Amino acid sequence: FAFENCKKLKKVLIPSNSQLKKLGNKSFAYTKIISFFIPSNVSSINNAFFDCEKLRIVEIAENSNMKFIYADSFKFCRRVKLFVPCKLAIRVVNKTLVCPSVVRPKRVKSKFNL
């Protein structure tokens, strides 16, 4: 619940070398974040972006340690595109991932220039 309901929060930058391991339950729920880069050490997303209606792009690092994404992590994020590295095998916990668009590009230039 770190930033849940911070209605004015539009931008969060987590360094690519961050030691952050988990994006917890509703960490950024109900915020106005537009885009988000998930650093390589993050291994799970637990409903972190629930109802972020302004969210458009979420990019998982190319060398990611991501293992789990909880199904409702992007619920009610109607226009989000989740960029997932091709080689990454992620287990969705608790049913099917609720996300309008999952993109698995062969090679993508980071939108965050990190």
C-alpha atoms as a PDB file:
ATOM      1  CA  PHE A   1       0.000   0.000   0.000  1.00  0.00           C
ATOM      2  CA  ALA A   2       3.064   2.275  -0.291  1.00  0.00           C
ATOM      3  CA  PHE A   3       1.582   4.900  -2.634  1.00  0.00           C
ATOM      4  CA  GLU A   4      -2.025   3.707  -2.839  1.00  0.00           C
ATOM      5  CA  ASN A   5      -4.460   6.579  -3.452  1.00  0.00           C
ATOM      6  CA  CYS A   6      -1.714   9.164  -4.051  1.00  0.00           C
ATOM      7  CA  LYS A   7      -3.915  10.839  -6.646  1.00  0.00           C
ATOM      8  CA  LYS A   8      -1.240  13.312  -7.759  1.00  0.00           C
ATOM      9  CA  LEU A   9       1.484  10.704  -8.277  1.00  0.00           C
ATOM     10  CA  LYS A  10       2.303  10.657 -11.999  1.00  0.00           C
ATOM     11  CA  LYS A  11       5.903   9.499 -12.187  1.00  0.00           C
ATOM     12  CA  VAL A  12       8.056   6.993 -10.323  1.00  0.00           C
ATOM     13  CA  LEU A  13      11.645   6.260 -11.275  1.00  0.00           C
ATOM     14  CA  ILE A  14      13.303   3.233  -9.743  1.00  0.00           C
ATOM     15  CA  PRO A  15      16.969   2.888 -10.751  1.00  0.00           C
ATOM     16  CA  SER A  16      17.773  -0.117 -12.925  1.00  0.00           C
ATOM     17  CA  ASN A  17      20.298  -1.280 -10.295  1.00  0.00           C
ATOM     18  CA  SER A  18      17.738  -1.096  -7.470  1.00  0.00           C
ATOM     19  CA  GLN A  19      17.610  -3.974  -4.963  1.00  0.00           C
ATOM     20  CA  LEU A  20      13.795  -3.826  -4.849  1.00  0.00           C
ATOM     21  CA  LYS A  21      12.460  -7.425  -4.942  1.00  0.00           C
ATOM     22  CA  LYS A  22       8.678  -7.079  -4.945  1.00  0.00           C
ATOM     23  CA  LEU A  23       5.985  -4.639  -5.992  1.00  0.00           C
ATOM     24  CA  GLY A  24       3.517  -5.326  -3.192  1.00  0.00           C
ATOM     25  CA  ASN A  25      -0.241  -5.345  -2.955  1.00  0.00           C
ATOM     26  CA  LYS A  26      -1.696  -2.119  -4.358  1.00  0.00           C
ATOM     27  CA  SER A  27       1.664  -0.320  -4.143  1.00  0.00           C
ATOM     28  CA  PHE A  28       0.592   2.151  -6.810  1.00  0.00           C
ATOM     29  CA  ALA A  29      -3.175   1.518  -6.924  1.00  0.00           C
ATOM     30  CA  TYR A  30      -5.393   4.457  -7.884  1.00  0.00           C
ATOM     31  CA  THR A  31      -2.482   6.707  -8.866  1.00  0.00           C
ATOM     32  CA  LYS A  32      -2.059   8.696 -12.092  1.00  0.00           C
ATOM     33  CA  ILE A  33       1.166   6.960 -13.152  1.00  0.00           C
ATOM     34  CA  ILE A  34       1.503   6.891 -16.945  1.00  0.00           C
ATOM     35  CA  SER A  35       4.508   4.601 -17.409  1.00  0.00           C
ATOM     36  CA  PHE A  36       6.666   2.360 -15.243  1.00  0.00           C
ATOM     37  CA  PHE A  37       9.969   0.534 -15.689  1.00  0.00           C
ATOM     38  CA  ILE A  38      10.368  -2.626 -13.578  1.00  0.00           C
ATOM     39  CA  PRO A  39      14.039  -3.162 -12.697  1.00  0.00           C
ATOM     40  CA  SER A  40      15.672  -6.568 -13.082  1.00  0.00           C
ATOM     41  CA  ASN A  41      15.735  -7.517  -9.371  1.00  0.00           C
ATOM     42  CA  VAL A  42      11.958  -7.369  -9.001  1.00  0.00           C
ATOM     43  CA  SER A  43      10.711 -10.967  -8.947  1.00  0.00           C
ATOM     44  CA  SER A  44       6.982 -10.485  -8.335  1.00  0.00           C
ATOM     45  CA  ILE A  45       4.127  -8.045  -8.874  1.00  0.00           C
ATOM     46  CA  ASN A  46       1.252  -8.434  -6.440  1.00  0.00           C
ATOM     47  CA  ASN A  47      -1.713  -6.392  -7.732  1.00  0.00           C
ATOM     48  CA  ALA A  48       0.528  -3.316  -7.609  1.00  0.00           C
ATOM     49  CA  PHE A  49      -1.137  -1.249 -10.342  1.00  0.00           C
ATOM     50  CA  PHE A  50      -4.782  -2.004  -9.593  1.00  0.00           C
ATOM     51  CA  ASP A  51      -7.060   0.636 -11.179  1.00  0.00           C
ATOM     52  CA  CYS A  52      -4.309   2.906 -12.528  1.00  0.00           C
ATOM     53  CA  GLU A  53      -6.483   4.194 -15.332  1.00  0.00           C
ATOM     54  CA  LYS A  54      -3.791   6.500 -16.760  1.00  0.00           C
ATOM     55  CA  LEU A  55      -1.162   3.738 -16.987  1.00  0.00           C
ATOM     56  CA  ARG A  56      -0.091   3.158 -20.609  1.00  0.00           C
ATOM     57  CA  ILE A  57       3.302   1.405 -20.584  1.00  0.00           C
ATOM     58  CA  VAL A  58       4.915  -1.045 -18.172  1.00  0.00           C
ATOM     59  CA  GLU A  59       8.266  -2.410 -19.244  1.00  0.00           C
ATOM     60  CA  ILE A  60       9.980  -5.352 -17.575  1.00  0.00           C
ATOM     61  CA  ALA A  61      13.791  -5.217 -17.743  1.00  0.00           C
ATOM     62  CA  GLU A  62      15.435  -7.386 -20.397  1.00  0.00           C
ATOM     63  CA  ASN A  63      17.533  -9.232 -17.784  1.00  0.00           C
ATOM     64  CA  SER A  64      14.627  -9.535 -15.358  1.00  0.00           C
ATOM     65  CA  ASN A  65      14.308 -11.994 -12.471  1.00  0.00           C
ATOM     66  CA  MET A  66      10.511 -11.770 -12.673  1.00  0.00           C
ATOM     67  CA  LYS A  67       8.830 -15.025 -11.629  1.00  0.00           C
ATOM     68  CA  PHE A  68       5.252 -14.161 -10.641  1.00  0.00           C
ATOM     69  CA  ILE A  69       2.589 -11.658 -11.599  1.00  0.00           C
ATOM     70  CA  TYR A  70      -0.664 -11.792  -9.692  1.00  0.00           C
ATOM     71  CA  ALA A  71      -3.663 -11.827 -12.001  1.00  0.00           C
ATOM     72  CA  ASP A  72      -5.198  -8.528 -10.903  1.00  0.00           C
ATOM     73  CA  SER A  73      -1.961  -6.541 -11.003  1.00  0.00           C
ATOM     74  CA  PHE A  74      -3.264  -4.505 -13.954  1.00  0.00           C
ATOM     75  CA  LYS A  75      -7.000  -4.852 -13.415  1.00  0.00           C
ATOM     76  CA  PHE A  76      -8.889  -1.745 -14.573  1.00  0.00           C
ATOM     77  CA  CYS A  77      -5.782  -0.430 -16.368  1.00  0.00           C
ATOM     78  CA  ARG A  78      -7.716  -0.327 -19.604  1.00  0.00           C
ATOM     79  CA  ARG A  79      -4.997   0.973 -21.947  1.00  0.00           C
ATOM     80  CA  VAL A  80      -1.800  -0.477 -20.533  1.00  0.00           C
ATOM     81  CA  LYS A  81       0.724  -2.330 -22.656  1.00  0.00           C
ATOM     82  CA  LEU A  82       2.938  -4.692 -20.694  1.00  0.00           C
ATOM     83  CA  PHE A  83       6.316  -5.203 -22.396  1.00  0.00           C
ATOM     84  CA  VAL A  84       7.709  -8.609 -21.399  1.00  0.00           C
ATOM     85  CA  PRO A  85      11.084  -9.889 -22.660  1.00  0.00           C
ATOM     86  CA  CYS A  86      10.655 -12.894 -24.985  1.00  0.00           C
ATOM     87  CA  LYS A  87      12.909 -15.188 -22.997  1.00  0.00           C
ATOM     88  CA  LEU A  88      11.091 -14.557 -19.732  1.00  0.00           C
ATOM     89  CA  ALA A  89       8.760 -17.261 -18.377  1.00  0.00           C
ATOM     90  CA  ILE A  90       6.374 -15.713 -15.883  1.00  0.00           C
ATOM     91  CA  ARG A  91       3.831 -17.579 -13.801  1.00  0.00           C
ATOM     92  CA  VAL A  92       0.484 -15.809 -13.424  1.00  0.00           C
ATOM     93  CA  VAL A  93      -0.945 -16.420  -9.959  1.00  0.00           C
ATOM     94  CA  ASN A  94      -4.712 -16.753  -9.300  1.00  0.00           C
ATOM     95  CA  LYS A  95      -6.145 -17.200 -12.836  1.00  0.00           C
ATOM     96  CA  THR A  96      -5.605 -15.328 -16.085  1.00  0.00           C
ATOM     97  CA  LEU A  97      -3.733 -12.035 -16.187  1.00  0.00           C
ATOM     98  CA  VAL A  98      -6.166  -9.153 -16.514  1.00  0.00           C
ATOM     99  CA  CYS A  99      -4.265  -6.873 -18.866  1.00  0.00           C
ATOM    100  CA  PRO A 100      -5.445  -5.405 -22.175  1.00  0.00           C
ATOM    101  CA  SER A 101      -2.177  -5.928 -24.034  1.00  0.00           C
ATOM    102  CA  VAL A 102       0.910  -8.038 -23.391  1.00  0.00           C
ATOM    103  CA  VAL A 103       3.699  -7.381 -25.879  1.00  0.00           C
ATOM    104  CA  ARG A 104       6.620  -9.779 -26.268  1.00  0.00           C
ATOM    105  CA  PRO A 105       8.991  -7.980 -28.633  1.00  0.00           C
ATOM    106  CA  LYS A 106      12.060  -9.820 -29.854  1.00  0.00           C
ATOM    107  CA  ARG A 107      14.209  -6.859 -28.946  1.00  0.00           C
ATOM    108  CA  VAL A 108      12.882  -3.557 -27.747  1.00  0.00           C
ATOM    109  CA  LYS A 109      14.704  -0.327 -27.196  1.00  0.00           C
ATOM    110  CA  SER A 110      13.751   0.774 -23.721  1.00  0.00           C
ATOM    111  CA  LYS A 111      11.223   3.554 -23.644  1.00  0.00           C
ATOM    112  CA  PHE A 112      12.929   4.715 -20.477  1.00  0.00           C
ATOM    113  CA  ASN A 113      16.480   5.049 -21.863  1.00  0.00           C
ATOM    114  CA  LEU A 114      17.995   3.266 -18.849  1.00  0.00           C
END
